[in-house]
Amino acid sequence: MSPNPKAAVTDIEARLQQALSPLSLSVQDDSHHHAGHAGAREGGHYSVTVVSTRFTGLNRVARHRLVYHSLGELMQKGIHALVIDARTPDEPNKP
């Protein structure tokens, strides 16, 4: 993954778009909240909100696994922490 934060977000978005065909996707770089913490050297901190029909019938753990699988090697190189909000189109937004 690129050391450029904007390029990293673009890479994450592209992989999730390709794998999940989401109706809605938001990727946020939260790394600035973790500056100086030991994990900050190992990769970025990101939050992902994704709405996809691919999550229908899957529990929360299975949805997260699908997101991790979609990101592939980025989970080992480039992403230190990932907050995931994975919903189907029928599920309400979190408050």
N, C-alpha and C. Protein backbone atom coordinates (compact mmCIF):
# COMPACT_ATOMS: atom_id res chain seq x y z
N MET A 1 0.84 -1.16 0.00
CA MET A 1 0.00 0.00 0.00
C MET A 1 0.89 1.23 0.00
N SER A 2 0.42 2.26 -0.62
CA SER A 2 1.18 3.49 -0.73
C SER A 2 1.31 4.18 0.62
N PRO A 3 2.47 4.81 0.91
CA PRO A 3 2.61 5.57 2.15
C PRO A 3 1.77 6.85 2.12
N ASN A 4 1.30 7.25 0.93
CA ASN A 4 0.45 8.41 0.76
C ASN A 4 -0.95 8.08 1.29
N PRO A 5 -1.44 8.78 2.32
CA PRO A 5 -2.74 8.45 2.91
C PRO A 5 -3.89 8.49 1.91
N LYS A 6 -3.91 9.47 1.01
CA LYS A 6 -5.00 9.55 0.03
C LYS A 6 -4.95 8.37 -0.92
N ALA A 7 -3.76 7.95 -1.32
CA ALA A 7 -3.62 6.79 -2.20
C ALA A 7 -4.04 5.52 -1.48
N ALA A 8 -3.75 5.43 -0.19
CA ALA A 8 -4.14 4.25 0.59
C ALA A 8 -5.66 4.14 0.66
N VAL A 9 -6.34 5.25 0.90
CA VAL A 9 -7.81 5.25 0.94
C VAL A 9 -8.36 4.85 -0.42
N THR A 10 -7.78 5.37 -1.49
CA THR A 10 -8.21 5.03 -2.84
C THR A 10 -8.03 3.54 -3.11
N ASP A 11 -6.93 2.97 -2.66
CA ASP A 11 -6.66 1.54 -2.83
C ASP A 11 -7.69 0.69 -2.08
N ILE A 12 -7.98 1.07 -0.85
CA ILE A 12 -8.98 0.35 -0.05
C ILE A 12 -10.35 0.44 -0.74
N GLU A 13 -10.72 1.64 -1.17
CA GLU A 13 -12.00 1.82 -1.85
C GLU A 13 -12.10 0.96 -3.11
N ALA A 14 -11.05 0.94 -3.91
CA ALA A 14 -11.07 0.17 -5.16
C ALA A 14 -11.26 -1.32 -4.89
N ARG A 15 -10.57 -1.85 -3.90
CA ARG A 15 -10.69 -3.28 -3.59
C ARG A 15 -12.09 -3.62 -3.08
N LEU A 16 -12.64 -2.77 -2.24
CA LEU A 16 -13.98 -3.03 -1.71
C LEU A 16 -15.04 -2.87 -2.79
N GLN A 17 -14.87 -1.89 -3.67
CA GLN A 17 -15.80 -1.71 -4.79
C GLN A 17 -15.82 -2.96 -5.66
N GLN A 18 -14.65 -3.45 -6.00
CA GLN A 18 -14.54 -4.60 -6.88
C GLN A 18 -15.14 -5.86 -6.23
N ALA A 19 -14.86 -6.08 -4.98
CA ALA A 19 -15.28 -7.32 -4.31
C ALA A 19 -16.73 -7.32 -3.85
N LEU A 20 -17.23 -6.15 -3.44
CA LEU A 20 -18.53 -6.11 -2.78
C LEU A 20 -19.63 -5.40 -3.56
N SER A 21 -19.29 -4.70 -4.63
CA SER A 21 -20.27 -3.93 -5.40
C SER A 21 -21.22 -3.17 -4.47
N PRO A 22 -20.67 -2.34 -3.60
CA PRO A 22 -21.50 -1.69 -2.58
C PRO A 22 -22.45 -0.64 -3.15
N LEU A 23 -23.58 -0.49 -2.48
CA LEU A 23 -24.50 0.59 -2.80
C LEU A 23 -23.99 1.89 -2.19
N SER A 24 -23.24 1.75 -1.12
CA SER A 24 -22.65 2.90 -0.42
C SER A 24 -21.32 2.46 0.18
N LEU A 25 -20.33 3.34 0.07
CA LEU A 25 -19.01 3.04 0.62
C LEU A 25 -18.34 4.32 1.09
N SER A 26 -17.82 4.28 2.31
CA SER A 26 -17.07 5.40 2.86
C SER A 26 -15.83 4.84 3.55
N VAL A 27 -14.67 5.38 3.19
CA VAL A 27 -13.42 4.98 3.83
C VAL A 27 -12.78 6.24 4.40
N GLN A 28 -12.46 6.20 5.67
CA GLN A 28 -11.86 7.36 6.34
C GLN A 28 -10.52 6.97 6.94
N ASP A 29 -9.53 7.81 6.73
CA ASP A 29 -8.21 7.61 7.32
C ASP A 29 -8.20 8.26 8.71
N ASP A 30 -8.11 7.44 9.73
CA ASP A 30 -8.10 7.92 11.12
C ASP A 30 -6.70 7.93 11.72
N SER A 31 -5.69 7.77 10.90
CA SER A 31 -4.31 7.63 11.38
C SER A 31 -3.85 8.82 12.22
N HIS A 32 -4.33 10.01 11.89
CA HIS A 32 -3.89 11.20 12.63
C HIS A 32 -4.30 11.14 14.11
N HIS A 33 -5.31 10.35 14.43
CA HIS A 33 -5.73 10.19 15.83
C HIS A 33 -4.77 9.31 16.62
N HIS A 34 -3.88 8.62 15.90
CA HIS A 34 -2.99 7.65 16.54
C HIS A 34 -1.51 8.00 16.39
N ALA A 35 -1.23 9.22 16.01
CA ALA A 35 0.17 9.65 15.85
C ALA A 35 0.92 9.45 17.16
N GLY A 36 2.11 8.88 17.05
CA GLY A 36 2.95 8.66 18.21
C GLY A 36 2.72 7.34 18.92
N HIS A 37 1.67 6.65 18.57
CA HIS A 37 1.39 5.34 19.20
C HIS A 37 2.13 4.27 18.40
N ALA A 38 2.57 3.25 19.08
CA ALA A 38 3.48 2.25 18.50
C ALA A 38 2.96 1.66 17.20
N GLY A 39 1.66 1.38 17.10
CA GLY A 39 1.11 0.78 15.89
C GLY A 39 1.09 1.70 14.70
N ALA A 40 1.23 2.99 14.93
CA ALA A 40 1.18 3.96 13.84
C ALA A 40 2.31 3.74 12.84
N ARG A 41 3.42 3.14 13.28
CA ARG A 41 4.54 2.89 12.37
C ARG A 41 4.26 1.71 11.45
N GLU A 42 3.39 0.80 11.88
CA GLU A 42 3.15 -0.45 11.15
C GLU A 42 2.11 -0.31 10.05
N GLY A 43 1.37 0.78 10.03
CA GLY A 43 0.33 0.96 9.02
C GLY A 43 -0.71 1.93 9.50
N GLY A 44 -1.66 2.21 8.64
CA GLY A 44 -2.68 3.20 8.93
C GLY A 44 -3.85 2.65 9.72
N HIS A 45 -4.63 3.58 10.25
CA HIS A 45 -5.86 3.28 10.97
C HIS A 45 -7.00 3.81 10.10
N TYR A 46 -7.97 2.95 9.80
CA TYR A 46 -9.04 3.32 8.88
C TYR A 46 -10.40 2.91 9.44
N SER A 47 -11.44 3.65 9.03
CA SER A 47 -12.83 3.30 9.32
C SER A 47 -13.53 3.10 7.98
N VAL A 48 -14.29 2.02 7.88
CA VAL A 48 -15.01 1.69 6.65
C VAL A 48 -16.49 1.52 6.97
N THR A 49 -17.33 2.19 6.22
CA THR A 49 -18.77 1.97 6.27
C THR A 49 -19.17 1.49 4.88
N VAL A 50 -19.74 0.29 4.81
CA VAL A 50 -20.08 -0.29 3.52
C VAL A 50 -21.47 -0.93 3.60
N VAL A 51 -22.30 -0.60 2.59
CA VAL A 51 -23.63 -1.17 2.47
C VAL A 51 -23.65 -1.99 1.19
N SER A 52 -23.92 -3.29 1.34
CA SER A 52 -23.88 -4.19 0.18
C SER A 52 -24.88 -5.34 0.35
N THR A 53 -25.48 -5.75 -0.75
CA THR A 53 -26.35 -6.92 -0.71
C THR A 53 -25.55 -8.19 -0.45
N ARG A 54 -24.24 -8.15 -0.66
CA ARG A 54 -23.39 -9.32 -0.39
C ARG A 54 -23.41 -9.72 1.08
N PHE A 55 -23.83 -8.83 1.96
CA PHE A 55 -23.88 -9.13 3.39
C PHE A 55 -25.18 -9.81 3.82
N THR A 56 -26.14 -9.89 2.92
CA THR A 56 -27.43 -10.50 3.26
C THR A 56 -27.25 -11.94 3.73
N GLY A 57 -27.83 -12.23 4.89
CA GLY A 57 -27.75 -13.58 5.45
C GLY A 57 -26.47 -13.88 6.21
N LEU A 58 -25.54 -12.93 6.25
CA LEU A 58 -24.27 -13.14 6.96
C LEU A 58 -24.32 -12.46 8.32
N ASN A 59 -23.75 -13.13 9.32
CA ASN A 59 -23.65 -12.49 10.63
C ASN A 59 -22.49 -11.50 10.62
N ARG A 60 -22.34 -10.79 11.72
CA ARG A 60 -21.32 -9.74 11.81
C ARG A 60 -19.90 -10.27 11.56
N VAL A 61 -19.57 -11.41 12.13
CA VAL A 61 -18.23 -11.98 11.96
C VAL A 61 -17.99 -12.34 10.49
N ALA A 62 -18.96 -12.95 9.85
CA ALA A 62 -18.82 -13.33 8.44
C ALA A 62 -18.68 -12.09 7.55
N ARG A 63 -19.38 -11.04 7.88
CA ARG A 63 -19.28 -9.78 7.11
C ARG A 63 -17.86 -9.21 7.23
N HIS A 64 -17.35 -9.20 8.45
CA HIS A 64 -16.00 -8.68 8.66
C HIS A 64 -14.97 -9.54 7.93
N ARG A 65 -15.15 -10.84 7.96
CA ARG A 65 -14.23 -11.72 7.23
C ARG A 65 -14.27 -11.44 5.74
N LEU A 66 -15.44 -11.17 5.21
CA LEU A 66 -15.57 -10.85 3.79
C LEU A 66 -14.82 -9.55 3.46
N VAL A 67 -14.93 -8.56 4.32
CA VAL A 67 -14.19 -7.31 4.12
C VAL A 67 -12.69 -7.58 4.19
N TYR A 68 -12.23 -8.31 5.20
CA TYR A 68 -10.80 -8.63 5.33
C TYR A 68 -10.30 -9.37 4.09
N HIS A 69 -11.07 -10.35 3.64
CA HIS A 69 -10.68 -11.13 2.45
C HIS A 69 -10.59 -10.21 1.23
N SER A 70 -11.52 -9.28 1.11
CA SER A 70 -11.53 -8.34 -0.01
C SER A 70 -10.28 -7.46 -0.03
N LEU A 71 -9.76 -7.15 1.14
CA LEU A 71 -8.59 -6.28 1.23
C LEU A 71 -7.28 -7.05 1.07
N GLY A 72 -7.35 -8.37 1.18
CA GLY A 72 -6.18 -9.22 0.92
C GLY A 72 -4.96 -8.84 1.72
N GLU A 73 -3.84 -8.71 1.04
CA GLU A 73 -2.56 -8.45 1.70
C GLU A 73 -2.47 -7.08 2.36
N LEU A 74 -3.41 -6.18 2.06
CA LEU A 74 -3.39 -4.88 2.74
C LEU A 74 -3.58 -5.04 4.25
N MET A 75 -4.24 -6.12 4.64
CA MET A 75 -4.44 -6.37 6.07
C MET A 75 -3.12 -6.73 6.76
N GLN A 76 -2.15 -7.24 6.02
CA GLN A 76 -0.84 -7.56 6.60
C GLN A 76 0.17 -6.43 6.39
N LYS A 77 -0.04 -5.66 5.34
CA LYS A 77 0.88 -4.56 5.00
C LYS A 77 0.05 -3.32 4.72
N GLY A 78 0.18 -2.34 5.57
CA GLY A 78 -0.47 -1.06 5.29
C GLY A 78 -1.65 -0.73 6.17
N ILE A 79 -2.36 -1.73 6.69
CA ILE A 79 -3.48 -1.46 7.59
C ILE A 79 -3.13 -2.02 8.96
N HIS A 80 -3.06 -1.13 9.94
CA HIS A 80 -2.79 -1.56 11.32
C HIS A 80 -4.10 -1.81 12.05
N ALA A 81 -5.09 -0.95 11.81
CA ALA A 81 -6.38 -1.08 12.48
C ALA A 81 -7.50 -0.71 11.51
N LEU A 82 -8.62 -1.44 11.62
CA LEU A 82 -9.74 -1.22 10.72
C LEU A 82 -11.04 -1.33 11.51
N VAL A 83 -11.82 -0.26 11.51
CA VAL A 83 -13.15 -0.25 12.11
C VAL A 83 -14.13 -0.49 10.96
N ILE A 84 -15.00 -1.49 11.11
CA ILE A 84 -15.89 -1.88 10.03
C ILE A 84 -17.35 -1.74 10.46
N ASP A 85 -18.13 -1.02 9.66
CA ASP A 85 -19.58 -0.97 9.77
C ASP A 85 -20.09 -1.56 8.46
N ALA A 86 -20.52 -2.82 8.47
CA ALA A 86 -20.95 -3.53 7.27
C ALA A 86 -22.43 -3.88 7.40
N ARG A 87 -23.24 -3.29 6.51
CA ARG A 87 -24.69 -3.48 6.59
C ARG A 87 -25.28 -3.86 5.24
N THR A 88 -26.49 -4.42 5.28
CA THR A 88 -27.27 -4.65 4.07
C THR A 88 -28.09 -3.39 3.80
N PRO A 89 -28.64 -3.25 2.60
CA PRO A 89 -29.46 -2.07 2.30
C PRO A 89 -30.70 -1.95 3.20
N ASP A 90 -31.17 -3.06 3.74
CA ASP A 90 -32.37 -3.05 4.58
C ASP A 90 -32.10 -2.68 6.03
N GLU A 91 -30.85 -2.63 6.42
CA GLU A 91 -30.51 -2.32 7.81
C GLU A 91 -30.35 -0.82 7.99
N PRO A 92 -30.83 -0.29 9.11
CA PRO A 92 -30.75 1.16 9.34
C PRO A 92 -29.32 1.63 9.61
N ASN A 93 -29.12 2.91 9.37
CA ASN A 93 -27.84 3.53 9.71
C ASN A 93 -27.66 3.50 11.22
N LYS A 94 -26.42 3.43 11.65
CA LYS A 94 -26.14 3.54 13.09
C LYS A 94 -26.34 4.99 13.50
N PRO A 95 -26.82 5.21 14.73
CA PRO A 95 -27.02 6.60 15.20
C PRO A 95 -25.71 7.34 15.33
